[in-house]
Each structure stands twice: as structure tokens, then as C-alpha cells.
Amino acid sequence: MLKNKDDEIVGFFPPKKWIAVFLVVTMLLTLATAISCITVFSIYLDVGPEWMVGILSFMAILFSMINFGVTRGSFVCWKVLEYYALLLSIISIPSLLMAKTADLFLFFSINSLMLFSAFYLIRSHSYQKLVQYQFDHFSDIKEAKEAVEEEMKRNRKRQKSHNTR
């Protein structure tokens, strides 16, 4: 890796710590989404298995799209993911009070812990730096692409003017 004039590290990949935080958040939210949906369906609602699979699939696709936006440096997706983790956390808290056995209480406690951990990590400085890094990275790629396209347009114009003579 090289350092640019501002002493920032320039490289293709973000630092490993930021990637690790992103992966931990992704895994925590994936598991917690599944557990939260199962909790909602088993405690709050009486939903059949076909609806459960359909809604769980929809939630997984929605989460994947939002998470993909984060990998592209979208601050909006980052905020949506933050509120998504918070919403799931709030939904999971009453299940702790409704647990009928110690096993269920432990299961719901682990889910709540995963959700609050994910929320904490999403709000962390490392996660924010990752989103900023990805935003800058894709902005640089867009600028480079526009510069190449502009240069190609100039070359085509020169070639046309040279061929018409």
C-alpha cells in the first residue's frame, strides 16, 4: 500500500478491522433476523409455515439489498440498517418477558444480545469509516470512468476530423 499526499493509506481494500466489523454485523443481523422472525411468528402472531417462509425470505432479500448498499458506500443504507437493528431489538425485548421456560428465555436473551451488539457495532467508528471508505472508493471509480469516457470522446472527434480531410 502507498500513502498519498494527505498521508492516507491508498489501497484496493479497506483495513481488515473494518472488514471484520462489517462481517460480524452482517452475521449477527442475519441470525438475529431469522430468530426475530421466528419469535414474532411463534409468540406474537399465529402464522402458518408457508407464510413464515415467505416473510422470512422477503426479510432476507430486503436485508441483503440494504447490506449491499452499505458495501457501495450508501449512508442512507447505513442509517436504514442502524434503524433496522434497533427495530428488531425493540421487537425482541417483550419476548424476554413472555418466555415460558428457561430455555426460551436464554434463546431470546441471546437474540437480544446479538441485536444490541449489531446496533452498537453499526454505530461504531470503524463501521462508519468503512462506509466512508467505500463511498470515496466508488466516487473515485466514477470519476475515473467519466475521465476515460471524456478522453474517448475527444479521441473519436479527432479521428472523425482526421478521416474527413
C-alpha atoms as a PDB file:
ATOM      1  CA  MET A   1       0.000   0.000   0.000  1.00  0.00           C
ATOM      2  CA  LEU A   2       1.075   3.508  -0.735  1.00  0.00           C
ATOM      3  CA  LYS A   3       0.448   6.737   1.077  1.00  0.00           C
ATOM      4  CA  ASN A   4      -0.882   9.733  -0.790  1.00  0.00           C
ATOM      5  CA  LYS A   5      -0.088  13.387  -0.155  1.00  0.00           C
ATOM      6  CA  ASP A   6      -2.537  13.537   2.796  1.00  0.00           C
ATOM      7  CA  ASP A   7      -0.829  10.517   4.437  1.00  0.00           C
ATOM      8  CA  GLU A   8      -3.927   8.420   3.906  1.00  0.00           C
ATOM      9  CA  ILE A   9      -3.407   4.787   3.067  1.00  0.00           C
ATOM     10  CA  VAL A  10      -4.461   4.144  -0.506  1.00  0.00           C
ATOM     11  CA  GLY A  11      -5.365   0.604  -1.433  1.00  0.00           C
ATOM     12  CA  PHE A  12      -7.959  -1.519  -3.128  1.00  0.00           C
ATOM     13  CA  PHE A  13      -9.380  -2.989   0.095  1.00  0.00           C
ATOM     14  CA  PRO A  14     -10.291  -1.254   3.346  1.00  0.00           C
ATOM     15  CA  PRO A  15      -8.376  -2.151   6.516  1.00  0.00           C
ATOM     16  CA  LYS A  16      -9.009  -5.631   7.897  1.00  0.00           C
ATOM     17  CA  LYS A  17     -10.548  -4.303  11.115  1.00  0.00           C
ATOM     18  CA  TRP A  18     -13.275  -2.509   9.168  1.00  0.00           C
ATOM     19  CA  ILE A  19     -13.980  -5.592   7.070  1.00  0.00           C
ATOM     20  CA  ALA A  20     -14.156  -7.729  10.221  1.00  0.00           C
ATOM     21  CA  VAL A  21     -16.654  -5.346  11.837  1.00  0.00           C
ATOM     22  CA  PHE A  22     -18.770  -5.386   8.680  1.00  0.00           C
ATOM     23  CA  LEU A  23     -18.750  -9.189   8.539  1.00  0.00           C
ATOM     24  CA  VAL A  24     -19.619  -9.526  12.229  1.00  0.00           C
ATOM     25  CA  VAL A  25     -22.531  -7.102  11.829  1.00  0.00           C
ATOM     26  CA  THR A  26     -23.735  -8.988   8.753  1.00  0.00           C
ATOM     27  CA  MET A  27     -23.627 -12.345  10.517  1.00  0.00           C
ATOM     28  CA  LEU A  28     -25.250 -11.007  13.694  1.00  0.00           C
ATOM     29  CA  LEU A  29     -28.079  -9.357  11.792  1.00  0.00           C
ATOM     30  CA  THR A  30     -28.627 -12.381   9.553  1.00  0.00           C
ATOM     31  CA  LEU A  31     -29.003 -14.726  12.511  1.00  0.00           C
ATOM     32  CA  ALA A  32     -30.962 -12.214  14.570  1.00  0.00           C
ATOM     33  CA  THR A  33     -33.349 -11.518  11.687  1.00  0.00           C
ATOM     34  CA  ALA A  34     -34.165 -15.212  11.400  1.00  0.00           C
ATOM     35  CA  ILE A  35     -34.571 -15.614  15.160  1.00  0.00           C
ATOM     36  CA  SER A  36     -36.646 -12.430  15.436  1.00  0.00           C
ATOM     37  CA  CYS A  37     -38.975 -13.501  12.645  1.00  0.00           C
ATOM     38  CA  ILE A  38     -39.409 -16.907  14.245  1.00  0.00           C
ATOM     39  CA  THR A  39     -40.048 -15.203  17.589  1.00  0.00           C
ATOM     40  CA  VAL A  40     -42.654 -12.872  16.099  1.00  0.00           C
ATOM     41  CA  PHE A  41     -44.381 -15.743  14.339  1.00  0.00           C
ATOM     42  CA  SER A  42     -44.391 -18.049  17.335  1.00  0.00           C
ATOM     43  CA  ILE A  43     -45.212 -15.551  20.104  1.00  0.00           C
ATOM     44  CA  TYR A  44     -46.998 -12.520  18.648  1.00  0.00           C
ATOM     45  CA  LEU A  45     -48.732 -13.940  15.567  1.00  0.00           C
ATOM     46  CA  ASP A  46     -50.207 -17.265  14.617  1.00  0.00           C
ATOM     47  CA  VAL A  47     -48.868 -17.675  11.092  1.00  0.00           C
ATOM     48  CA  GLY A  48     -48.696 -20.835   9.005  1.00  0.00           C
ATOM     49  CA  PRO A  49     -45.351 -22.246   7.867  1.00  0.00           C
ATOM     50  CA  GLU A  50     -45.808 -21.155   4.245  1.00  0.00           C
ATOM     51  CA  TRP A  51     -46.298 -17.531   5.320  1.00  0.00           C
ATOM     52  CA  MET A  52     -43.388 -17.826   7.717  1.00  0.00           C
ATOM     53  CA  VAL A  53     -41.046 -18.964   4.938  1.00  0.00           C
ATOM     54  CA  GLY A  54     -42.339 -16.277   2.577  1.00  0.00           C
ATOM     55  CA  ILE A  55     -41.935 -13.429   5.053  1.00  0.00           C
ATOM     56  CA  LEU A  56     -38.554 -14.708   6.201  1.00  0.00           C
ATOM     57  CA  SER A  57     -37.407 -14.869   2.563  1.00  0.00           C
ATOM     58  CA  PHE A  58     -38.653 -11.331   1.969  1.00  0.00           C
ATOM     59  CA  MET A  59     -36.809 -10.090   5.066  1.00  0.00           C
ATOM     60  CA  ALA A  60     -33.618 -11.833   3.950  1.00  0.00           C
ATOM     61  CA  ILE A  61     -33.818 -10.252   0.493  1.00  0.00           C
ATOM     62  CA  LEU A  62     -34.556  -6.826   1.964  1.00  0.00           C
ATOM     63  CA  PHE A  63     -31.649  -7.125   4.401  1.00  0.00           C
ATOM     64  CA  SER A  64     -29.329  -8.259   1.589  1.00  0.00           C
ATOM     65  CA  MET A  65     -30.261  -5.275  -0.579  1.00  0.00           C
ATOM     66  CA  ILE A  66     -29.679  -2.833   2.272  1.00  0.00           C
ATOM     67  CA  ASN A  67     -26.397  -4.505   3.208  1.00  0.00           C
ATOM     68  CA  PHE A  68     -25.278  -4.388  -0.440  1.00  0.00           C
ATOM     69  CA  GLY A  69     -25.959  -0.646  -0.416  1.00  0.00           C
ATOM     70  CA  VAL A  70     -23.668  -0.346   2.598  1.00  0.00           C
ATOM     71  CA  THR A  71     -20.901  -2.112   0.657  1.00  0.00           C
ATOM     72  CA  ARG A  72     -21.294   0.569  -2.014  1.00  0.00           C
ATOM     73  CA  GLY A  73     -20.874   3.383   0.499  1.00  0.00           C
ATOM     74  CA  SER A  74     -24.501   4.425   0.892  1.00  0.00           C
ATOM     75  CA  PHE A  75     -25.003   6.453   4.041  1.00  0.00           C
ATOM     76  CA  VAL A  76     -28.777   6.104   3.643  1.00  0.00           C
ATOM     77  CA  CYS A  77     -28.486   2.295   3.696  1.00  0.00           C
ATOM     78  CA  TRP A  78     -26.181   2.560   6.705  1.00  0.00           C
ATOM     79  CA  LYS A  79     -28.829   4.558   8.606  1.00  0.00           C
ATOM     80  CA  VAL A  80     -31.605   2.202   7.474  1.00  0.00           C
ATOM     81  CA  LEU A  81     -29.534  -0.752   8.707  1.00  0.00           C
ATOM     82  CA  GLU A  82     -28.987   1.013  12.012  1.00  0.00           C
ATOM     83  CA  TYR A  83     -32.729   1.579  12.475  1.00  0.00           C
ATOM     84  CA  TYR A  84     -33.438  -1.970  11.282  1.00  0.00           C
ATOM     85  CA  ALA A  85     -31.229  -3.374  14.065  1.00  0.00           C
ATOM     86  CA  LEU A  86     -32.852  -1.049  16.579  1.00  0.00           C
ATOM     87  CA  LEU A  87     -36.367  -2.027  15.463  1.00  0.00           C
ATOM     88  CA  LEU A  88     -35.569  -5.733  15.754  1.00  0.00           C
ATOM     89  CA  SER A  89     -34.073  -5.060  19.193  1.00  0.00           C
ATOM     90  CA  ILE A  90     -37.237  -3.336  20.348  1.00  0.00           C
ATOM     91  CA  ILE A  91     -39.360  -6.176  18.974  1.00  0.00           C
ATOM     92  CA  SER A  92     -37.254  -8.768  20.785  1.00  0.00           C
ATOM     93  CA  ILE A  93     -37.439  -7.187  24.259  1.00  0.00           C
ATOM     94  CA  PRO A  94     -41.065  -8.191  25.046  1.00  0.00           C
ATOM     95  CA  SER A  95     -40.282 -11.778  24.100  1.00  0.00           C
ATOM     96  CA  LEU A  96     -37.964 -11.906  27.118  1.00  0.00           C
ATOM     97  CA  LEU A  97     -40.942 -11.237  29.355  1.00  0.00           C
ATOM     98  CA  MET A  98     -43.120 -13.776  27.570  1.00  0.00           C
ATOM     99  CA  ALA A  99     -40.639 -16.653  27.770  1.00  0.00           C
ATOM    100  CA  LYS A 100     -42.293 -19.597  29.492  1.00  0.00           C
ATOM    101  CA  THR A 101     -39.189 -21.726  30.061  1.00  0.00           C
ATOM    102  CA  ALA A 102     -35.571 -21.064  30.937  1.00  0.00           C
ATOM    103  CA  ASP A 103     -34.505 -22.383  27.539  1.00  0.00           C
ATOM    104  CA  LEU A 104     -36.720 -19.902  25.719  1.00  0.00           C
ATOM    105  CA  PHE A 105     -35.510 -17.105  27.959  1.00  0.00           C
ATOM    106  CA  LEU A 106     -31.897 -17.998  27.103  1.00  0.00           C
ATOM    107  CA  PHE A 107     -32.769 -18.198  23.390  1.00  0.00           C
ATOM    108  CA  PHE A 108     -34.469 -14.782  23.440  1.00  0.00           C
ATOM    109  CA  SER A 109     -31.658 -13.296  25.544  1.00  0.00           C
ATOM    110  CA  ILE A 110     -29.064 -14.409  23.020  1.00  0.00           C
ATOM    111  CA  ASN A 111     -31.152 -12.891  20.240  1.00  0.00           C
ATOM    112  CA  SER A 112     -31.427  -9.581  22.099  1.00  0.00           C
ATOM    113  CA  LEU A 113     -27.705  -9.608  22.811  1.00  0.00           C
ATOM    114  CA  MET A 114     -26.923 -10.204  19.124  1.00  0.00           C
ATOM    115  CA  LEU A 115     -29.218  -7.370  18.063  1.00  0.00           C
ATOM    116  CA  PHE A 116     -27.869  -4.845  20.548  1.00  0.00           C
ATOM    117  CA  SER A 117     -24.304  -5.884  19.649  1.00  0.00           C
ATOM    118  CA  ALA A 118     -25.063  -5.363  15.959  1.00  0.00           C
ATOM    119  CA  PHE A 119     -26.631  -1.980  16.706  1.00  0.00           C
ATOM    120  CA  TYR A 120     -23.566  -0.972  18.749  1.00  0.00           C
ATOM    121  CA  LEU A 121     -21.173  -2.096  16.000  1.00  0.00           C
ATOM    122  CA  ILE A 122     -23.151  -0.297  13.280  1.00  0.00           C
ATOM    123  CA  ARG A 123     -22.845   2.915  15.278  1.00  0.00           C
ATOM    124  CA  SER A 124     -19.126   2.343  15.857  1.00  0.00           C
ATOM    125  CA  HIS A 125     -16.409   4.486  14.355  1.00  0.00           C
ATOM    126  CA  SER A 126     -14.973   1.529  12.418  1.00  0.00           C
ATOM    127  CA  TYR A 127     -18.247   0.828  10.627  1.00  0.00           C
ATOM    128  CA  GLN A 128     -18.718   4.492   9.796  1.00  0.00           C
ATOM    129  CA  LYS A 129     -15.160   4.655   8.433  1.00  0.00           C
ATOM    130  CA  LEU A 130     -15.851   1.604   6.267  1.00  0.00           C
ATOM    131  CA  VAL A 131     -18.931   3.241   4.751  1.00  0.00           C
ATOM    132  CA  GLN A 132     -16.958   6.461   4.145  1.00  0.00           C
ATOM    133  CA  TYR A 133     -14.093   4.464   2.593  1.00  0.00           C
ATOM    134  CA  GLN A 134     -16.478   2.640   0.266  1.00  0.00           C
ATOM    135  CA  PHE A 135     -18.199   5.902  -0.649  1.00  0.00           C
ATOM    136  CA  ASP A 136     -14.851   7.507  -1.515  1.00  0.00           C
ATOM    137  CA  HIS A 137     -13.706   4.384  -3.364  1.00  0.00           C
ATOM    138  CA  PHE A 138     -16.754   4.258  -5.620  1.00  0.00           C
ATOM    139  CA  SER A 139     -16.677   8.037  -6.129  1.00  0.00           C
ATOM    140  CA  ASP A 140     -13.083   7.696  -7.345  1.00  0.00           C
ATOM    141  CA  ILE A 141     -14.086   4.888  -9.688  1.00  0.00           C
ATOM    142  CA  LYS A 142     -16.935   7.005 -11.068  1.00  0.00           C
ATOM    143  CA  GLU A 143     -14.587   9.964 -11.622  1.00  0.00           C
ATOM    144  CA  ALA A 144     -12.045   7.748 -13.372  1.00  0.00           C
ATOM    145  CA  LYS A 145     -14.751   6.267 -15.595  1.00  0.00           C
ATOM    146  CA  GLU A 146     -16.007   9.741 -16.552  1.00  0.00           C
ATOM    147  CA  ALA A 147     -12.451  10.875 -17.333  1.00  0.00           C
ATOM    148  CA  VAL A 148     -11.888   7.847 -19.573  1.00  0.00           C
ATOM    149  CA  GLU A 149     -15.186   8.411 -21.372  1.00  0.00           C
ATOM    150  CA  GLU A 150     -14.332  12.086 -21.909  1.00  0.00           C
ATOM    151  CA  GLU A 151     -10.936  11.163 -23.319  1.00  0.00           C
ATOM    152  CA  MET A 152     -12.540   8.592 -25.622  1.00  0.00           C
ATOM    153  CA  LYS A 153     -14.992  11.231 -26.908  1.00  0.00           C
ATOM    154  CA  ARG A 154     -12.093  13.591 -27.674  1.00  0.00           C
ATOM    155  CA  ASN A 155     -10.232  10.820 -29.491  1.00  0.00           C
ATOM    156  CA  ARG A 156     -13.318   9.986 -31.571  1.00  0.00           C
ATOM    157  CA  LYS A 157     -13.746  13.654 -32.518  1.00  0.00           C
ATOM    158  CA  ARG A 158     -10.077  13.891 -33.525  1.00  0.00           C
ATOM    159  CA  GLN A 159     -10.360  10.671 -35.504  1.00  0.00           C
ATOM    160  CA  LYS A 160     -13.508  11.915 -37.303  1.00  0.00           C
ATOM    161  CA  SER A 161     -11.897  15.239 -38.168  1.00  0.00           C
ATOM    162  CA  HIS A 162      -8.743  13.461 -39.364  1.00  0.00           C
ATOM    163  CA  ASN A 163     -10.736  10.992 -41.533  1.00  0.00           C
ATOM    164  CA  THR A 164     -12.838  13.743 -43.195  1.00  0.00           C
ATOM    165  CA  ARG A 165      -9.799  15.537 -44.575  1.00  0.00           C
END
